[in-house]
Amino acid sequence: MIGTAYAQATGQAGQGDSLLGLLPIVLMFVILYFLMIRPQMKKAKEHKSMVEALQKGDEVVAVGMLGRITKVGDSYVGLEIAENVVIQVQKHAVTQLLPKGTIKDAA
């Protein structure tokens, strides 16, 4: 009642076939690198250099607040957000360096 089943012989996959199978994965990684990873690394490098160059008197945006730097420490900066109101903010919380005189225009 049950017939004999014979397996078909398959051809052996050549070395070129396996490399062609990996090509889409490699291509996707290259595209991902150039569209996402590389720009993010470049932006992080620019932010690091901006944070290292902060000095007293710079006008910055930190944690969504405009302020003038009054004191620069190793990890923190003193940020004057209003007259006689100085807060301590981590250096890496500074997101943007503003041109001089921006705070006067914003007030």
C-alpha atoms as a PDB file:
ATOM      1  CA  MET A   1       0.000   0.000   0.000  1.00  0.00           C
ATOM      2  CA  ILE A   2       2.764   2.416   0.770  1.00  0.00           C
ATOM      3  CA  GLY A   3       5.148   2.912  -2.097  1.00  0.00           C
ATOM      4  CA  THR A   4       8.853   3.300  -1.712  1.00  0.00           C
ATOM      5  CA  ALA A   5       9.962   6.923  -1.537  1.00  0.00           C
ATOM      6  CA  TYR A   6      13.205   7.874  -3.200  1.00  0.00           C
ATOM      7  CA  ALA A   7      15.065  11.043  -2.310  1.00  0.00           C
ATOM      8  CA  GLN A   8      16.150  13.154  -5.188  1.00  0.00           C
ATOM      9  CA  ALA A   9      19.799  13.874  -5.465  1.00  0.00           C
ATOM     10  CA  THR A  10      20.518  17.585  -5.167  1.00  0.00           C
ATOM     11  CA  GLY A  11      23.383  19.328  -6.830  1.00  0.00           C
ATOM     12  CA  GLN A  12      26.105  20.549  -4.515  1.00  0.00           C
ATOM     13  CA  ALA A  13      26.049  24.274  -3.884  1.00  0.00           C
ATOM     14  CA  GLY A  14      29.102  25.961  -5.294  1.00  0.00           C
ATOM     15  CA  GLN A  15      31.220  28.468  -3.404  1.00  0.00           C
ATOM     16  CA  GLY A  16      29.847  31.302  -5.554  1.00  0.00           C
ATOM     17  CA  ASP A  17      26.270  30.530  -4.552  1.00  0.00           C
ATOM     18  CA  SER A  18      26.982  30.950  -0.834  1.00  0.00           C
ATOM     19  CA  LEU A  19      28.766  34.259  -1.425  1.00  0.00           C
ATOM     20  CA  LEU A  20      25.849  35.532  -3.477  1.00  0.00           C
ATOM     21  CA  GLY A  21      23.558  34.564  -0.599  1.00  0.00           C
ATOM     22  CA  LEU A  22      25.571  36.763   1.782  1.00  0.00           C
ATOM     23  CA  LEU A  23      25.686  39.724  -0.593  1.00  0.00           C
ATOM     24  CA  PRO A  24      22.273  41.212   0.413  1.00  0.00           C
ATOM     25  CA  ILE A  25      23.193  41.059   4.108  1.00  0.00           C
ATOM     26  CA  VAL A  26      26.556  42.737   3.505  1.00  0.00           C
ATOM     27  CA  LEU A  27      24.920  45.356   1.297  1.00  0.00           C
ATOM     28  CA  MET A  28      22.295  46.106   3.972  1.00  0.00           C
ATOM     29  CA  PHE A  29      25.033  46.578   6.587  1.00  0.00           C
ATOM     30  CA  VAL A  30      26.949  48.979   4.331  1.00  0.00           C
ATOM     31  CA  ILE A  31      23.812  51.034   3.690  1.00  0.00           C
ATOM     32  CA  LEU A  32      22.979  51.042   7.414  1.00  0.00           C
ATOM     33  CA  TYR A  33      26.500  52.234   8.226  1.00  0.00           C
ATOM     34  CA  PHE A  34      26.432  55.151   5.790  1.00  0.00           C
ATOM     35  CA  LEU A  35      22.854  56.238   6.535  1.00  0.00           C
ATOM     36  CA  MET A  36      22.690  55.820  10.311  1.00  0.00           C
ATOM     37  CA  ILE A  37      25.896  54.933  12.140  1.00  0.00           C
ATOM     38  CA  ARG A  38      28.394  57.274  10.457  1.00  0.00           C
ATOM     39  CA  PRO A  39      26.263  60.475  10.743  1.00  0.00           C
ATOM     40  CA  GLN A  40      25.515  59.711  14.390  1.00  0.00           C
ATOM     41  CA  MET A  41      29.215  59.237  15.165  1.00  0.00           C
ATOM     42  CA  LYS A  42      30.023  62.509  13.384  1.00  0.00           C
ATOM     43  CA  LYS A  43      27.364  64.385  15.370  1.00  0.00           C
ATOM     44  CA  ALA A  44      28.629  62.912  18.657  1.00  0.00           C
ATOM     45  CA  LYS A  45      32.184  63.977  17.789  1.00  0.00           C
ATOM     46  CA  GLU A  46      31.024  67.547  17.044  1.00  0.00           C
ATOM     47  CA  HIS A  47      29.071  67.686  20.335  1.00  0.00           C
ATOM     48  CA  LYS A  48      32.096  66.456  22.288  1.00  0.00           C
ATOM     49  CA  SER A  49      34.351  69.120  20.779  1.00  0.00           C
ATOM     50  CA  MET A  50      31.711  71.814  21.468  1.00  0.00           C
ATOM     51  CA  VAL A  51      31.411  70.720  25.112  1.00  0.00           C
ATOM     52  CA  GLU A  52      35.208  70.713  25.561  1.00  0.00           C
ATOM     53  CA  ALA A  53      35.421  74.255  24.147  1.00  0.00           C
ATOM     54  CA  LEU A  54      32.850  75.779  26.533  1.00  0.00           C
ATOM     55  CA  GLN A  55      34.109  78.788  28.451  1.00  0.00           C
ATOM     56  CA  LYS A  56      32.861  81.438  30.817  1.00  0.00           C
ATOM     57  CA  GLY A  57      30.569  83.974  29.125  1.00  0.00           C
ATOM     58  CA  ASP A  58      29.299  81.636  26.389  1.00  0.00           C
ATOM     59  CA  GLU A  59      25.563  81.696  25.767  1.00  0.00           C
ATOM     60  CA  VAL A  60      24.087  78.225  25.470  1.00  0.00           C
ATOM     61  CA  VAL A  61      20.938  76.137  25.448  1.00  0.00           C
ATOM     62  CA  ALA A  62      20.947  73.449  28.134  1.00  0.00           C
ATOM     63  CA  VAL A  63      17.986  71.298  29.154  1.00  0.00           C
ATOM     64  CA  GLY A  64      15.753  73.596  27.086  1.00  0.00           C
ATOM     65  CA  MET A  65      16.839  76.739  28.949  1.00  0.00           C
ATOM     66  CA  LEU A  66      18.795  79.692  27.661  1.00  0.00           C
ATOM     67  CA  GLY A  67      21.641  80.808  29.856  1.00  0.00           C
ATOM     68  CA  ARG A  68      25.092  82.300  30.131  1.00  0.00           C
ATOM     69  CA  ILE A  69      27.926  80.196  31.532  1.00  0.00           C
ATOM     70  CA  THR A  70      29.349  81.682  34.725  1.00  0.00           C
ATOM     71  CA  LYS A  71      31.578  78.832  35.876  1.00  0.00           C
ATOM     72  CA  VAL A  72      33.142  75.877  34.063  1.00  0.00           C
ATOM     73  CA  GLY A  73      34.122  72.771  36.024  1.00  0.00           C
ATOM     74  CA  ASP A  74      35.241  69.297  35.016  1.00  0.00           C
ATOM     75  CA  SER A  75      31.734  67.831  34.726  1.00  0.00           C
ATOM     76  CA  TYR A  76      29.414  70.738  35.479  1.00  0.00           C
ATOM     77  CA  VAL A  77      28.889  74.320  34.355  1.00  0.00           C
ATOM     78  CA  GLY A  78      27.244  77.153  36.236  1.00  0.00           C
ATOM     79  CA  LEU A  79      24.437  78.508  34.074  1.00  0.00           C
ATOM     80  CA  GLU A  80      22.907  81.914  34.796  1.00  0.00           C
ATOM     81  CA  ILE A  81      19.323  81.696  33.560  1.00  0.00           C
ATOM     82  CA  ALA A  82      18.159  84.995  35.084  1.00  0.00           C
ATOM     83  CA  GLU A  83      19.781  87.794  37.080  1.00  0.00           C
ATOM     84  CA  ASN A  84      21.364  86.271  40.208  1.00  0.00           C
ATOM     85  CA  VAL A  85      19.885  82.833  39.402  1.00  0.00           C
ATOM     86  CA  VAL A  86      22.654  80.323  38.718  1.00  0.00           C
ATOM     87  CA  ILE A  87      22.023  76.601  38.319  1.00  0.00           C
ATOM     88  CA  GLN A  88      24.491  73.749  37.976  1.00  0.00           C
ATOM     89  CA  VAL A  89      24.103  71.692  34.791  1.00  0.00           C
ATOM     90  CA  GLN A  90      26.113  68.758  33.476  1.00  0.00           C
ATOM     91  CA  LYS A  91      28.355  69.749  30.590  1.00  0.00           C
ATOM     92  CA  HIS A  92      26.845  67.124  28.301  1.00  0.00           C
ATOM     93  CA  ALA A  93      23.378  68.605  28.889  1.00  0.00           C
ATOM     94  CA  VAL A  94      24.459  71.643  26.865  1.00  0.00           C
ATOM     95  CA  THR A  95      22.947  71.066  23.443  1.00  0.00           C
ATOM     96  CA  GLN A  96      23.718  74.234  21.521  1.00  0.00           C
ATOM     97  CA  LEU A  97      26.199  77.086  21.599  1.00  0.00           C
ATOM     98  CA  LEU A  98      24.512  80.369  20.699  1.00  0.00           C
ATOM     99  CA  PRO A  99      26.029  83.494  19.112  1.00  0.00           C
ATOM    100  CA  LYS A 100      26.962  86.293  21.538  1.00  0.00           C
ATOM    101  CA  GLY A 101      24.069  88.645  22.302  1.00  0.00           C
ATOM    102  CA  THR A 102      21.315  86.083  21.724  1.00  0.00           C
ATOM    103  CA  ILE A 103      19.994  86.236  25.279  1.00  0.00           C
ATOM    104  CA  LYS A 104      19.443  90.008  25.109  1.00  0.00           C
ATOM    105  CA  ASP A 105      17.400  89.542  21.919  1.00  0.00           C
ATOM    106  CA  ALA A 106      15.292  86.749  23.438  1.00  0.00           C
ATOM    107  CA  ALA A 107      14.311  88.723  26.555  1.00  0.00           C
END
